[in-house]
Every structure is written in C-alpha cells, then in structure tokens.
Amino acid sequence: MYICICNALKDKQLAEAGKDARTVADVFRRCGSRPQCGKCLPDVAQMIEDARSPEQGAAAVPAE
C-alpha cells in the first residue's frame, strides 16, 4: 500500500528504511527522496515508533 503518494513509497519500503531510523528525515533519505506535501509524515513517524517498541502491540492486549 502506498504511504507517500508524492514519492510513490510503499509501506514495506518505508518500514525497511525505518527499522533503525531515528527521524522521519532519515527514512526519506534512505529511500532517496524528501517529503513533499507532508501528509505521510505522521504515518512514517508512527512506523518508526512501532519499530522501536515491537512489544508495544502485545502490551495493548489485556492479561487474563
């Protein structure tokens, strides 16, 4: 699925670039592009956050 329409960047491509990125700019730099309109920036930032804390999804499930 396309996340950044302006640069035609897909979710898998951005996720790979964001694995150990610290900033959104790092992700775009690794993809060889720059943000254009900015609509995708929150999504890319969330991808970075998700990559930093993969156990976060498990913590959201209440314990029985």
Protein backbone atom coordinates (compact mmCIF):
# COMPACT_ATOMS: atom_id res chain seq x y z
CA MET A 1 0.00 0.00 0.00
CA TYR A 2 1.27 3.48 -0.82
CA ILE A 3 2.02 5.62 2.22
CA CYS A 4 3.75 8.52 0.47
CA ILE A 5 1.87 9.27 -2.74
CA CYS A 6 4.16 12.18 -3.71
CA ASN A 7 7.24 9.93 -3.82
CA ALA A 8 5.42 6.66 -4.61
CA LEU A 9 6.77 5.00 -1.45
CA LYS A 10 5.04 1.89 -0.19
CA ASP A 11 4.63 0.72 3.40
CA LYS A 12 7.12 -2.14 3.07
CA GLN A 13 9.75 0.12 1.55
CA LEU A 14 9.30 2.71 4.30
CA ALA A 15 9.25 0.06 7.03
CA GLU A 16 12.55 -1.37 5.80
CA ALA A 17 14.12 2.09 5.70
CA GLY A 18 12.72 2.92 9.13
CA LYS A 19 13.94 -0.14 11.02
CA ASP A 20 16.74 1.68 12.82
CA ALA A 21 15.97 5.26 11.77
CA ARG A 22 15.82 8.00 14.36
CA THR A 23 13.84 10.56 12.38
CA VAL A 24 11.39 10.79 9.53
CA ALA A 25 14.08 12.59 7.55
CA ASP A 26 16.35 9.54 7.97
CA VAL A 27 13.68 7.31 6.46
CA PHE A 28 13.21 9.55 3.43
CA ARG A 29 16.96 9.93 2.99
CA ARG A 30 17.37 6.14 2.93
CA CYS A 31 14.65 5.96 0.30
CA GLY A 32 16.45 8.58 -1.79
CA SER A 33 13.69 11.16 -1.53
CA ARG A 34 12.34 14.06 0.53
CA PRO A 35 8.87 14.69 1.93
CA GLN A 36 6.73 16.81 -0.39
CA CYS A 37 3.24 17.62 0.89
CA GLY A 38 3.74 16.26 4.43
CA LYS A 39 0.54 14.21 4.69
CA CYS A 40 2.50 11.00 5.19
CA LEU A 41 4.79 12.33 7.95
CA PRO A 42 2.59 11.17 10.87
CA ASP A 43 2.35 7.69 9.34
CA VAL A 44 6.10 7.45 8.82
CA ALA A 45 6.71 8.70 12.37
CA GLN A 46 4.35 6.02 13.67
CA MET A 47 6.23 3.37 11.69
CA ILE A 48 9.47 4.47 13.36
CA GLU A 49 7.83 4.35 16.79
CA ASP A 50 6.41 0.89 16.11
CA ALA A 51 9.83 -0.37 15.01
CA ARG A 52 11.40 0.93 18.23
CA SER A 53 8.96 -0.87 20.52
CA PRO A 54 7.67 -4.07 18.88
CA GLU A 55 6.37 -5.35 22.23
CA GLN A 56 4.02 -2.36 22.40
CA GLY A 57 1.36 -4.27 20.44
CA ALA A 58 1.47 -7.13 22.92
CA ALA A 59 1.12 -4.74 25.86
CA ALA A 60 -2.14 -3.41 24.43
CA VAL A 61 -3.80 -6.83 24.92
CA PRO A 62 -5.15 -7.11 28.49
CA ALA A 63 -3.93 -10.05 30.55
CA GLU A 64 -6.50 -12.60 31.68
